N, C-alpha and C. Protein backbone atom coordinates (compact mmCIF):
# COMPACT_ATOMS: atom_id res chain seq x y z
N MET A 1 0.84 -1.18 0.00
CA MET A 1 0.00 0.00 0.00
C MET A 1 0.88 1.24 0.00
N LYS A 2 0.34 2.26 -0.56
CA LYS A 2 1.07 3.52 -0.61
C LYS A 2 1.01 4.22 0.75
N THR A 3 1.91 5.13 0.94
CA THR A 3 2.01 5.83 2.22
C THR A 3 0.73 6.58 2.55
N TRP A 4 0.12 7.20 1.57
CA TRP A 4 -1.08 7.98 1.86
C TRP A 4 -2.24 7.08 2.25
N HIS A 5 -2.24 5.82 1.82
CA HIS A 5 -3.27 4.88 2.27
C HIS A 5 -3.16 4.65 3.78
N TRP A 6 -1.93 4.46 4.25
CA TRP A 6 -1.71 4.22 5.68
C TRP A 6 -2.05 5.46 6.49
N ILE A 7 -1.73 6.63 5.96
CA ILE A 7 -2.06 7.87 6.67
C ILE A 7 -3.57 8.04 6.76
N ALA A 8 -4.28 7.81 5.66
CA ALA A 8 -5.74 7.92 5.66
C ALA A 8 -6.36 6.90 6.61
N LEU A 9 -5.83 5.67 6.61
CA LEU A 9 -6.35 4.64 7.51
C LEU A 9 -6.13 5.02 8.97
N GLY A 10 -4.97 5.57 9.27
CA GLY A 10 -4.69 6.02 10.64
C GLY A 10 -5.60 7.14 11.08
N ILE A 11 -5.83 8.10 10.19
CA ILE A 11 -6.73 9.22 10.51
C ILE A 11 -8.14 8.73 10.75
N LEU A 12 -8.63 7.84 9.90
CA LEU A 12 -9.97 7.29 10.08
C LEU A 12 -10.10 6.49 11.37
N THR A 13 -9.06 5.76 11.73
CA THR A 13 -9.07 5.00 12.98
C THR A 13 -9.15 5.93 14.18
N VAL A 14 -8.35 6.98 14.18
CA VAL A 14 -8.36 7.93 15.29
C VAL A 14 -9.72 8.63 15.38
N ILE A 15 -10.27 9.05 14.26
CA ILE A 15 -11.59 9.69 14.25
C ILE A 15 -12.64 8.74 14.79
N SER A 16 -12.59 7.49 14.38
CA SER A 16 -13.56 6.50 14.85
C SER A 16 -13.47 6.29 16.36
N LEU A 17 -12.26 6.19 16.87
CA LEU A 17 -12.09 6.01 18.31
C LEU A 17 -12.57 7.22 19.10
N VAL A 18 -12.25 8.42 18.62
CA VAL A 18 -12.68 9.63 19.31
C VAL A 18 -14.20 9.72 19.31
N LEU A 19 -14.83 9.47 18.18
CA LEU A 19 -16.29 9.54 18.12
C LEU A 19 -16.94 8.50 19.02
N GLU A 20 -16.36 7.32 19.10
CA GLU A 20 -16.94 6.28 19.96
C GLU A 20 -16.86 6.68 21.42
N PHE A 21 -15.72 7.21 21.85
CA PHE A 21 -15.58 7.59 23.25
C PHE A 21 -16.38 8.85 23.59
N VAL A 22 -16.57 9.74 22.65
CA VAL A 22 -17.31 10.97 22.92
C VAL A 22 -18.81 10.70 22.97
N PHE A 23 -19.33 9.95 22.01
CA PHE A 23 -20.77 9.78 21.91
C PHE A 23 -21.31 8.52 22.58
N LEU A 24 -20.50 7.50 22.75
CA LEU A 24 -21.00 6.24 23.29
C LEU A 24 -20.33 5.85 24.60
N ALA A 25 -19.79 6.81 25.35
CA ALA A 25 -19.03 6.49 26.55
C ALA A 25 -19.89 5.82 27.62
N ASP A 26 -21.07 6.33 27.90
CA ASP A 26 -21.94 5.77 28.95
C ASP A 26 -23.19 5.13 28.36
N TYR A 27 -23.08 4.63 27.18
CA TYR A 27 -24.26 4.12 26.48
C TYR A 27 -24.19 2.60 26.42
N ASP A 28 -25.08 1.94 27.14
CA ASP A 28 -25.22 0.49 27.04
C ASP A 28 -26.48 0.20 26.24
N SER A 29 -26.30 -0.16 25.00
CA SER A 29 -27.44 -0.35 24.13
C SER A 29 -28.15 -1.67 24.36
N HIS A 30 -27.44 -2.65 24.91
CA HIS A 30 -28.04 -3.97 25.12
C HIS A 30 -27.67 -4.49 26.50
N TRP A 31 -28.46 -5.40 27.01
CA TRP A 31 -28.23 -5.92 28.36
C TRP A 31 -26.94 -6.71 28.46
N TRP A 32 -26.51 -7.34 27.37
CA TRP A 32 -25.31 -8.17 27.45
C TRP A 32 -24.03 -7.34 27.52
N ASN A 33 -24.11 -6.06 27.21
CA ASN A 33 -22.92 -5.21 27.35
C ASN A 33 -22.55 -4.99 28.81
N ALA A 34 -23.50 -5.23 29.73
CA ALA A 34 -23.23 -5.06 31.16
C ALA A 34 -22.57 -6.29 31.78
N ILE A 35 -22.51 -7.41 31.07
CA ILE A 35 -21.90 -8.63 31.59
C ILE A 35 -20.39 -8.57 31.34
N PRO A 36 -19.59 -8.66 32.40
CA PRO A 36 -18.13 -8.61 32.20
C PRO A 36 -17.64 -9.84 31.44
N GLY A 37 -16.85 -9.61 30.41
CA GLY A 37 -16.28 -10.70 29.63
C GLY A 37 -17.27 -11.39 28.72
N PHE A 38 -18.40 -10.78 28.44
CA PHE A 38 -19.42 -11.44 27.62
C PHE A 38 -18.88 -11.80 26.24
N TYR A 39 -18.16 -10.89 25.61
CA TYR A 39 -17.70 -11.14 24.24
C TYR A 39 -16.60 -12.19 24.20
N ILE A 40 -15.87 -12.37 25.29
CA ILE A 40 -14.88 -13.45 25.36
C ILE A 40 -15.60 -14.79 25.31
N TYR A 41 -16.62 -14.93 26.16
CA TYR A 41 -17.37 -16.19 26.21
C TYR A 41 -18.15 -16.41 24.92
N TRP A 42 -18.72 -15.36 24.39
CA TRP A 42 -19.48 -15.47 23.14
C TRP A 42 -18.59 -15.91 21.99
N GLY A 43 -17.40 -15.34 21.90
CA GLY A 43 -16.46 -15.72 20.85
C GLY A 43 -16.01 -17.16 20.98
N PHE A 44 -15.71 -17.59 22.21
CA PHE A 44 -15.28 -18.98 22.42
C PHE A 44 -16.41 -19.95 22.07
N LEU A 45 -17.61 -19.66 22.54
CA LEU A 45 -18.76 -20.53 22.23
C LEU A 45 -19.03 -20.57 20.73
N SER A 46 -18.91 -19.44 20.07
CA SER A 46 -19.13 -19.40 18.62
C SER A 46 -18.11 -20.24 17.88
N CYS A 47 -16.85 -20.19 18.31
CA CYS A 47 -15.82 -21.02 17.68
C CYS A 47 -16.10 -22.50 17.86
N VAL A 48 -16.53 -22.89 19.06
CA VAL A 48 -16.86 -24.29 19.32
C VAL A 48 -18.02 -24.73 18.44
N VAL A 49 -19.04 -23.89 18.32
CA VAL A 49 -20.19 -24.23 17.48
C VAL A 49 -19.77 -24.36 16.02
N ILE A 50 -18.93 -23.45 15.53
CA ILE A 50 -18.46 -23.53 14.14
C ILE A 50 -17.70 -24.83 13.90
N ILE A 51 -16.87 -25.23 14.85
CA ILE A 51 -16.10 -26.47 14.69
C ILE A 51 -17.03 -27.67 14.62
N TYR A 52 -17.97 -27.77 15.54
CA TYR A 52 -18.85 -28.94 15.55
C TYR A 52 -19.80 -28.97 14.36
N VAL A 53 -20.30 -27.82 13.95
CA VAL A 53 -21.19 -27.79 12.77
C VAL A 53 -20.41 -28.16 11.52
N SER A 54 -19.18 -27.68 11.39
CA SER A 54 -18.39 -28.03 10.20
C SER A 54 -18.03 -29.51 10.19
N LYS A 55 -17.75 -30.09 11.36
CA LYS A 55 -17.49 -31.53 11.41
C LYS A 55 -18.74 -32.32 11.02
N TRP A 56 -19.88 -31.88 11.50
CA TRP A 56 -21.14 -32.56 11.17
C TRP A 56 -21.43 -32.46 9.67
N LEU A 57 -21.23 -31.27 9.10
CA LEU A 57 -21.46 -31.11 7.66
C LEU A 57 -20.46 -31.93 6.85
N GLY A 58 -19.22 -32.01 7.32
CA GLY A 58 -18.23 -32.83 6.63
C GLY A 58 -18.61 -34.29 6.63
N LYS A 59 -19.09 -34.79 7.76
CA LYS A 59 -19.51 -36.18 7.82
C LYS A 59 -20.76 -36.42 6.97
N LEU A 60 -21.61 -35.43 6.91
CA LEU A 60 -22.86 -35.58 6.17
C LEU A 60 -22.65 -35.56 4.66
N PHE A 61 -21.79 -34.66 4.17
CA PHE A 61 -21.66 -34.48 2.72
C PHE A 61 -20.35 -35.00 2.13
N ILE A 62 -19.28 -35.05 2.89
CA ILE A 62 -17.97 -35.39 2.33
C ILE A 62 -17.56 -36.82 2.65
N PHE A 63 -17.80 -37.25 3.85
CA PHE A 63 -17.34 -38.57 4.29
C PHE A 63 -17.98 -39.68 3.45
N ARG A 64 -17.16 -40.64 3.07
CA ARG A 64 -17.63 -41.82 2.34
C ARG A 64 -17.21 -43.07 3.10
N SER A 65 -17.95 -44.13 2.96
CA SER A 65 -17.60 -45.38 3.64
C SER A 65 -16.32 -45.96 3.04
N GLU A 66 -15.74 -46.93 3.73
CA GLU A 66 -14.49 -47.52 3.26
C GLU A 66 -14.68 -48.29 1.96
N GLU A 67 -15.86 -48.80 1.71
CA GLU A 67 -16.12 -49.57 0.50
C GLU A 67 -16.52 -48.70 -0.69
N TYR A 68 -16.58 -47.40 -0.52
CA TYR A 68 -17.07 -46.51 -1.57
C TYR A 68 -16.22 -46.61 -2.84
N TYR A 69 -14.90 -46.65 -2.71
CA TYR A 69 -14.03 -46.66 -3.88
C TYR A 69 -13.80 -48.06 -4.43
N ASP A 70 -14.20 -49.08 -3.70
CA ASP A 70 -14.02 -50.46 -4.17
C ASP A 70 -15.14 -50.90 -5.10
N ARG A 71 -16.16 -50.15 -5.21
CA ARG A 71 -17.31 -50.55 -6.04
C ARG A 71 -17.02 -50.40 -7.50
């Protein structure tokens, strides 16, 4: 990337952070924002669900029996 891309990205990041802290500092829009560590647990649970669903889909659509290629 060119230098001006990085400068523009940095400026936008700083503006975004300032606006978030100025306008949303004491704003809890949802009840789960009040739970400490909620997004840590939510992210971990989501990863576990993705793993198990992908394993299930793999067994359902991709897995073949041992005799499949002998036919």
